[in-house]
Amino acid sequence: MSNGVPAPSPVSPRTHIPALDVLRAAAIVWVVLRHTHGGGYLPEHLNPNIGRLLSSGDAGVDLFFVLSGYLIATIVLGEAGASGRLDVRRFWYRRWMRTLPAYYVMLALIALGDLVYTAAGSWSPRWSYLVFMQSTLIGFDNMRFAWSWSLCVEELFYLILPVLVVGALRLRVPARAALRLIACGAIVMSVAGRAALGMYGAAGSHTPGYGVPYCRMDGLAVGLLIATLGPGRSAATSTFLGLLATAALAVYVWADQPEWFKDQRFLPLSLIFGAMVYAGISAGPWRNLRVPGASGVAALSYAIYLLHPVIAVVVMKFVSAAWPIKVLAFWSVSLVAALAMRYAVELPALRWRDRRKAVTEQK
């Protein structure tokens, strides 16, 4: 029964879905709000409910993971689902040309900044930052460029996923089934890894496994699973699911959490965000949800994520003014810097990548 609602078109990497822009924009805004709150920009006597919302902004990274997992799975399904083959080198090249140029520019900027400004965190071993091993070898609490831990998770995921898919395809396992098996394995590994680290007291200043790649694959895995489901046909179901996920997220933010839940909150959070993504790609009002400016913020989200922690420190150090002025300066400079990164680094790299693809296909 379709209930008179036309089925949404199959989702491909080129399909533009406004709701996903809104989710991506919400994720980066929430993360920056978290650092606005934690960075000392806001009054100490903040409304407790607002304080809880802002301090929960780390969850925005989990939403990014779900969105990334979903996007990568649509790419894999678009190629391997149709042909039964996946070009691993092409997959790596396209992903790395999207993520590495801005990352290495940011790495260079932080290293140059350290020549004139002494900051906490270790660079040793330096080579680990070049291959995204810093969160594994140095640890979240001790490493410089601490927010790069999430990039370590994603880059490891990009490295391993296509190899596993190709192995499954050679065993005649369909791409969709392979992604589901990989996702389930990643979830089990993440939950078990956090539990093991918790047993040995390896938590540091955060919950066990907070910045450890093999303990934080939940969101990416849930994104894979959502992509394998495809868009839902029932507007009523997707509407209800979106409302239920929103209510569950409110409970997460404002309800008191037992200690055991805090250690394993990443999987429930990922499932909540997965429900939001599923509602966003399915038939119903969520799919066409639009917020003015969301697509622009979504496009800048990676650059904002990389730049804003450094800008937070710089503005706090050099801007002496009332807190609203400081907040305005922090957000404004972050936006301008992200635009510069987007147009000077990200877009040229993407254009070069796509031109090379076109030349290769003509040969």
Protein backbone atom coordinates (compact mmCIF):
# COMPACT_ATOMS: atom_id res chain seq x y z
CA MET A 1 0.00 0.00 0.00
CA SER A 2 1.43 3.35 -1.00
CA ASN A 3 -1.35 5.42 0.58
CA GLY A 4 -1.28 7.60 -2.52
CA VAL A 5 2.24 8.88 -1.75
CA PRO A 6 4.69 8.57 -4.64
CA ALA A 7 7.80 6.63 -3.76
CA PRO A 8 10.92 8.80 -3.51
CA SER A 9 13.53 8.32 -6.18
CA PRO A 10 16.41 5.99 -5.35
CA VAL A 11 19.13 7.95 -3.63
CA SER A 12 22.47 8.40 -5.38
CA PRO A 13 25.50 10.45 -4.31
CA ARG A 14 24.34 13.22 -6.67
CA THR A 15 20.81 13.35 -5.32
CA HIS A 16 20.28 16.58 -3.42
CA ILE A 17 18.11 16.12 -0.35
CA PRO A 18 17.41 19.36 1.55
CA ALA A 19 16.85 17.56 4.86
CA LEU A 20 20.41 16.21 4.83
CA ASP A 21 21.75 19.74 4.39
CA VAL A 22 19.71 20.79 7.42
CA LEU A 23 21.11 17.89 9.47
CA ARG A 24 24.69 18.62 8.44
CA ALA A 25 24.29 22.31 9.22
CA ALA A 26 22.69 21.50 12.58
CA ALA A 27 25.60 19.19 13.39
CA ILE A 28 28.30 21.81 12.85
CA VAL A 29 26.31 24.55 14.61
CA TRP A 30 25.86 22.27 17.61
CA VAL A 31 29.58 21.46 17.70
CA VAL A 32 30.55 25.15 17.55
CA LEU A 33 27.98 25.97 20.24
CA ARG A 34 29.63 23.34 22.41
CA HIS A 35 32.99 25.07 22.08
CA THR A 36 31.41 28.48 22.54
CA HIS A 37 30.08 27.23 25.86
CA GLY A 38 33.18 25.28 26.88
CA GLY A 39 35.56 27.97 25.67
CA GLY A 40 34.46 30.49 28.28
CA TYR A 41 32.56 32.76 25.90
CA LEU A 42 29.23 32.63 27.70
CA PRO A 43 28.22 33.91 31.17
CA GLU A 44 28.86 31.52 34.04
CA HIS A 45 25.28 31.73 35.31
CA LEU A 46 23.64 30.34 32.19
CA ASN A 47 20.16 28.81 32.26
CA PRO A 48 20.76 25.12 33.17
CA ASN A 49 18.57 23.85 30.32
CA ILE A 50 20.45 25.93 27.78
CA GLY A 51 23.72 24.83 29.36
CA ARG A 52 22.78 21.17 28.92
CA LEU A 53 21.89 21.72 25.27
CA LEU A 54 25.18 23.45 24.55
CA SER A 55 27.35 21.04 26.51
CA SER A 56 25.80 18.13 24.57
CA GLY A 57 27.21 19.53 21.32
CA ASP A 58 29.81 16.75 21.07
CA ALA A 59 26.90 14.68 19.74
CA GLY A 60 27.10 16.73 16.55
CA VAL A 61 30.15 14.66 15.63
CA ASP A 62 28.06 11.48 15.89
CA LEU A 63 25.57 13.02 13.48
CA PHE A 64 28.45 13.76 11.10
CA PHE A 65 29.51 10.12 11.33
CA VAL A 66 26.02 8.88 10.43
CA LEU A 67 25.80 11.26 7.47
CA SER A 68 29.28 10.25 6.27
CA GLY A 69 28.50 6.55 6.54
CA TYR A 70 25.29 7.07 4.62
CA LEU A 71 27.02 9.04 1.85
CA ILE A 72 29.85 6.54 1.46
CA ALA A 73 27.41 3.64 1.31
CA THR A 74 25.41 5.32 -1.47
CA ILE A 75 28.66 5.70 -3.43
CA VAL A 76 29.54 2.04 -2.93
CA LEU A 77 26.04 0.86 -3.81
CA GLY A 78 25.93 3.12 -6.85
CA GLU A 79 29.05 1.47 -8.28
CA ALA A 80 29.24 -2.04 -6.85
CA GLY A 81 25.48 -2.59 -6.72
CA ALA A 82 25.18 -2.06 -10.47
CA SER A 83 28.38 -3.61 -11.79
CA GLY A 84 29.38 -6.03 -9.05
CA ARG A 85 32.79 -4.33 -8.96
CA LEU A 86 34.36 -1.51 -6.96
CA ASP A 87 37.43 0.43 -8.03
CA VAL A 88 39.25 0.74 -4.70
CA ARG A 89 41.94 3.15 -5.90
CA ARG A 90 39.36 5.43 -7.49
CA PHE A 91 37.32 5.33 -4.28
CA TRP A 92 40.34 6.28 -2.17
CA TYR A 93 41.41 8.99 -4.58
CA ARG A 94 38.02 10.69 -4.61
CA ARG A 95 37.61 10.52 -0.84
CA TRP A 96 41.12 11.70 -0.07
CA MET A 97 40.95 14.59 -2.52
CA ARG A 98 37.84 15.68 -0.65
CA THR A 99 39.31 15.48 2.86
CA LEU A 100 43.11 15.61 2.76
CA PRO A 101 43.93 19.02 1.21
CA ALA A 102 42.08 21.05 3.86
CA TYR A 103 43.36 18.77 6.62
CA TYR A 104 47.01 19.19 5.62
CA VAL A 105 46.60 22.95 5.26
CA MET A 106 45.14 23.04 8.78
CA LEU A 107 47.95 20.84 10.06
CA ALA A 108 50.50 23.26 8.59
CA LEU A 109 48.73 26.28 10.05
CA ILE A 110 48.75 24.76 13.55
CA ALA A 111 52.42 23.80 13.24
CA LEU A 112 53.30 27.34 12.14
CA GLY A 113 51.23 28.80 14.96
CA ASP A 114 53.15 26.72 17.46
CA LEU A 115 56.33 28.55 16.47
CA VAL A 116 54.99 31.68 18.16
CA TYR A 117 52.43 30.29 20.58
CA THR A 118 53.08 27.49 23.03
CA ALA A 119 50.12 25.14 23.28
CA ALA A 120 49.34 21.94 25.13
CA GLY A 121 49.55 18.62 23.37
CA SER A 122 52.24 16.42 21.90
CA TRP A 123 53.39 16.21 18.27
CA SER A 124 55.38 13.03 18.90
CA PRO A 125 55.49 10.97 16.77
CA ARG A 126 55.05 13.67 14.13
CA TRP A 127 54.52 11.22 11.28
CA SER A 128 51.36 9.96 12.98
CA TYR A 129 49.56 13.19 12.07
CA LEU A 130 50.33 12.61 8.40
CA VAL A 131 48.63 9.20 8.37
CA PHE A 132 45.84 9.82 10.91
CA MET A 133 47.35 7.64 13.61
CA GLN A 134 47.63 10.35 16.27
CA SER A 135 44.54 9.42 18.25
CA THR A 136 45.73 5.81 18.40
CA LEU A 137 49.42 6.38 19.18
CA ILE A 138 49.26 9.60 21.22
CA GLY A 139 45.73 9.53 22.60
CA PHE A 140 42.98 12.12 22.67
CA ASP A 141 44.07 13.68 25.96
CA ASN A 142 47.69 14.16 24.94
CA MET A 143 47.68 15.00 21.25
CA ARG A 144 47.95 18.38 19.56
CA PHE A 145 45.13 19.21 17.11
CA ALA A 146 42.88 17.17 19.41
CA TRP A 147 39.72 17.60 17.34
CA SER A 148 41.36 15.67 14.49
CA TRP A 149 40.43 12.47 16.34
CA SER A 150 37.17 12.32 14.36
CA LEU A 151 39.11 12.53 11.09
CA CYS A 152 41.21 9.58 12.27
CA VAL A 153 37.99 7.59 12.64
CA GLU A 154 36.69 8.53 9.20
CA GLU A 155 39.97 8.06 7.32
CA LEU A 156 40.45 4.59 8.80
CA PHE A 157 36.89 3.82 7.74
CA TYR A 158 37.56 5.08 4.19
CA LEU A 159 40.71 2.97 4.03
CA ILE A 160 39.21 -0.32 5.15
CA LEU A 161 35.62 -0.25 3.84
CA PRO A 162 36.28 -0.63 0.09
CA VAL A 163 38.78 -3.42 0.69
CA LEU A 164 36.21 -5.37 2.71
CA VAL A 165 33.53 -4.75 0.09
CA VAL A 166 35.78 -5.99 -2.72
CA GLY A 167 36.61 -9.09 -0.67
CA ALA A 168 32.90 -9.76 -0.16
CA LEU A 169 32.13 -9.24 -3.85
CA ARG A 170 34.80 -11.81 -4.77
CA LEU A 171 33.03 -14.25 -2.47
CA ARG A 172 29.82 -13.45 -4.41
CA VAL A 173 28.26 -11.58 -1.50
CA PRO A 174 26.07 -8.76 -2.89
CA ALA A 175 27.23 -5.22 -2.06
CA ARG A 176 24.14 -4.45 0.01
CA ALA A 177 24.56 -7.57 2.12
CA ALA A 178 28.28 -6.90 2.46
CA LEU A 179 27.65 -3.40 3.80
CA ARG A 180 25.20 -4.77 6.35
CA LEU A 181 27.68 -7.38 7.55
CA ILE A 182 30.47 -4.79 7.77
CA ALA A 183 28.18 -2.41 9.68
CA CYS A 184 27.18 -5.05 12.22
CA GLY A 185 30.81 -6.01 12.72
CA ALA A 186 31.81 -2.37 13.22
CA ILE A 187 29.10 -1.88 15.83
CA VAL A 188 30.14 -4.99 17.76
CA MET A 189 33.80 -3.94 17.60
CA SER A 190 33.01 -0.41 18.86
CA VAL A 191 30.82 -1.53 21.76
CA ALA A 192 33.24 -4.26 22.78
CA GLY A 193 36.24 -1.93 22.46
CA ARG A 194 34.71 0.67 24.75
CA ALA A 195 33.71 -1.98 27.24
CA ALA A 196 37.22 -3.43 27.28
CA LEU A 197 38.86 -0.02 27.73
CA GLY A 198 36.38 0.76 30.49
CA MET A 199 37.28 -2.44 32.32
CA TYR A 200 40.95 -1.46 32.26
CA GLY A 201 40.26 2.12 33.29
CA ALA A 202 41.56 3.63 30.05
CA ALA A 203 39.18 6.58 29.96
CA GLY A 204 41.29 9.68 30.45
CA SER A 205 39.27 12.88 30.66
CA HIS A 206 36.50 11.40 28.51
CA THR A 207 34.52 8.19 28.47
CA PRO A 208 36.39 5.01 27.48
CA GLY A 209 37.32 4.92 23.80
CA TYR A 210 36.13 8.48 23.14
CA GLY A 211 38.78 9.29 20.52
CA VAL A 212 39.89 5.75 19.59
CA PRO A 213 39.01 4.89 15.97
CA TYR A 214 38.08 1.26 16.52
CA CYS A 215 35.76 2.30 19.36
CA ARG A 216 33.88 4.99 17.44
CA MET A 217 32.58 3.29 14.28
CA ASP A 218 28.96 3.19 15.52
CA GLY A 219 27.77 6.26 13.62
CA LEU A 220 29.46 5.31 10.37
CA ALA A 221 28.02 1.80 10.67
CA VAL A 222 24.49 3.08 11.27
CA GLY A 223 24.88 5.30 8.20
CA LEU A 224 25.78 2.20 6.16
CA LEU A 225 22.68 0.41 7.39
CA ILE A 226 20.39 3.33 6.56
CA ALA A 227 21.74 3.47 3.02
CA THR A 228 21.11 -0.24 2.51
CA LEU A 229 17.47 0.23 3.53
CA GLY A 230 16.87 2.88 0.89
CA PRO A 231 14.14 5.54 1.04
CA GLY A 232 10.90 4.58 2.77
CA ARG A 233 7.60 4.89 0.90
CA SER A 234 5.30 5.68 3.79
CA ALA A 235 5.05 9.37 4.64
CA ALA A 236 3.25 8.53 7.88
CA THR A 237 6.02 6.18 9.00
CA SER A 238 8.83 8.59 8.20
CA THR A 239 7.01 11.48 9.86
CA PHE A 240 6.47 9.44 13.02
CA LEU A 241 10.07 8.22 12.99
CA GLY A 242 11.41 11.76 12.67
CA LEU A 243 9.26 12.96 15.57
CA LEU A 244 10.23 9.96 17.70
CA ALA A 245 13.93 10.54 17.02
CA THR A 246 13.59 14.23 17.91
CA ALA A 247 11.88 13.31 21.19
CA ALA A 248 14.57 10.73 21.95
CA LEU A 249 17.29 13.31 21.32
CA ALA A 250 15.56 15.71 23.72
CA VAL A 251 15.56 12.99 26.38
CA TYR A 252 19.27 12.41 25.75
CA VAL A 253 20.05 16.10 26.17
CA TRP A 254 17.94 16.92 29.22
CA ALA A 255 17.43 13.69 31.15
CA ASP A 256 19.94 12.52 33.75
CA GLN A 257 22.06 9.68 32.37
CA PRO A 258 23.32 6.73 34.41
CA GLU A 259 27.06 6.15 34.33
CA TRP A 260 26.81 2.90 32.38
CA PHE A 261 24.91 4.71 29.63
CA LYS A 262 27.50 7.47 29.32
CA ASP A 263 30.18 4.93 28.42
CA GLN A 264 28.07 3.42 25.62
CA ARG A 265 25.97 6.42 24.55
CA PHE A 266 27.42 6.57 21.07
CA LEU A 267 25.37 3.67 19.69
CA PRO A 268 21.99 4.95 20.95
CA LEU A 269 22.90 8.42 19.69
CA SER A 270 23.83 7.00 16.30
CA LEU A 271 20.52 5.14 16.10
CA ILE A 272 18.65 8.37 16.90
CA PHE A 273 20.52 10.22 14.17
CA GLY A 274 20.10 7.27 11.84
CA ALA A 275 16.33 7.53 12.29
CA MET A 276 16.54 11.23 11.44
CA VAL A 277 18.53 10.51 8.28
CA TYR A 278 16.10 7.78 7.27
CA ALA A 279 13.17 10.15 7.78
CA GLY A 280 15.02 12.74 5.73
CA ILE A 281 15.51 10.50 2.69
CA SER A 282 12.04 8.95 2.79
CA ALA A 283 8.69 10.12 1.49
CA GLY A 284 7.07 12.73 3.70
CA PRO A 285 7.58 16.26 5.00
CA TRP A 286 11.07 15.68 6.46
CA ARG A 287 12.61 15.03 3.01
CA ASN A 288 11.79 18.53 1.77
CA LEU A 289 12.61 20.31 5.03
CA ARG A 290 14.43 23.53 4.20
CA VAL A 291 16.06 26.08 6.48
CA PRO A 292 17.39 29.30 4.92
CA GLY A 293 21.18 29.19 4.75
CA ALA A 294 21.43 25.51 5.73
CA SER A 295 22.89 24.38 2.41
CA GLY A 296 25.62 27.03 2.61
CA VAL A 297 26.51 26.14 6.18
CA ALA A 298 26.48 22.44 5.25
CA ALA A 299 28.94 23.11 2.42
CA LEU A 300 31.25 24.92 4.84
CA SER A 301 30.86 22.43 7.68
CA TYR A 302 34.18 20.61 7.15
CA ALA A 303 36.17 23.84 6.98
CA ILE A 304 34.35 25.25 10.02
CA TYR A 305 35.07 22.07 11.97
CA LEU A 306 38.78 22.26 11.18
CA LEU A 307 39.20 25.97 11.87
CA HIS A 308 36.88 27.00 14.69
CA PRO A 309 38.82 25.58 17.71
CA VAL A 310 41.90 27.60 16.75
CA ILE A 311 39.84 30.71 16.12
CA ALA A 312 38.15 30.27 19.51
CA VAL A 313 41.55 30.48 21.21
CA VAL A 314 42.75 33.43 19.11
CA VAL A 315 39.60 35.51 19.62
CA MET A 316 39.57 34.82 23.35
CA LYS A 317 43.21 35.91 23.58
CA PHE A 318 43.04 39.09 21.52
CA VAL A 319 39.45 40.38 21.76
CA SER A 320 38.67 42.22 24.98
CA ALA A 321 34.97 43.00 24.99
CA ALA A 322 31.64 42.00 26.46
CA TRP A 323 30.68 38.37 25.90
CA PRO A 324 28.15 39.04 23.08
CA ILE A 325 30.86 40.85 21.09
CA LYS A 326 33.30 38.02 21.68
CA VAL A 327 30.75 35.43 20.55
CA LEU A 328 29.95 37.48 17.44
CA ALA A 329 33.66 37.84 16.67
CA PHE A 330 34.29 34.11 17.16
CA TRP A 331 31.43 33.03 14.90
CA SER A 332 32.09 35.71 12.27
CA VAL A 333 35.81 34.99 11.98
CA SER A 334 35.09 31.25 11.86
CA LEU A 335 32.68 31.77 8.98
CA VAL A 336 35.04 34.03 7.03
CA ALA A 337 37.98 31.67 7.56
CA ALA A 338 35.84 28.71 6.47
CA LEU A 339 34.87 30.56 3.29
CA ALA A 340 38.54 31.20 2.59
CA MET A 341 39.38 27.52 3.16
CA ARG A 342 36.48 26.44 0.98
CA TYR A 343 37.35 28.63 -2.01
CA ALA A 344 41.14 28.57 -1.72
CA VAL A 345 41.67 24.89 -0.87
CA GLU A 346 38.64 22.60 -1.01
CA LEU A 347 37.00 23.67 -4.28
CA PRO A 348 40.24 23.88 -6.30
CA ALA A 349 41.15 20.37 -5.10
CA LEU A 350 37.72 19.05 -6.08
CA ARG A 351 37.87 20.71 -9.50
CA TRP A 352 41.32 19.23 -10.11
CA ARG A 353 40.03 15.83 -9.01
CA ASP A 354 37.07 15.98 -11.37
CA ARG A 355 39.16 17.25 -14.31
CA ARG A 356 41.57 14.37 -13.85
CA LYS A 357 38.62 11.96 -13.77
CA ALA A 358 37.31 13.40 -17.04
CA VAL A 359 40.72 13.12 -18.71
CA THR A 360 41.12 9.53 -17.50
CA GLU A 361 37.70 8.52 -18.83
CA GLN A 362 38.52 9.98 -22.27
CA LYS A 363 41.65 7.85 -22.65
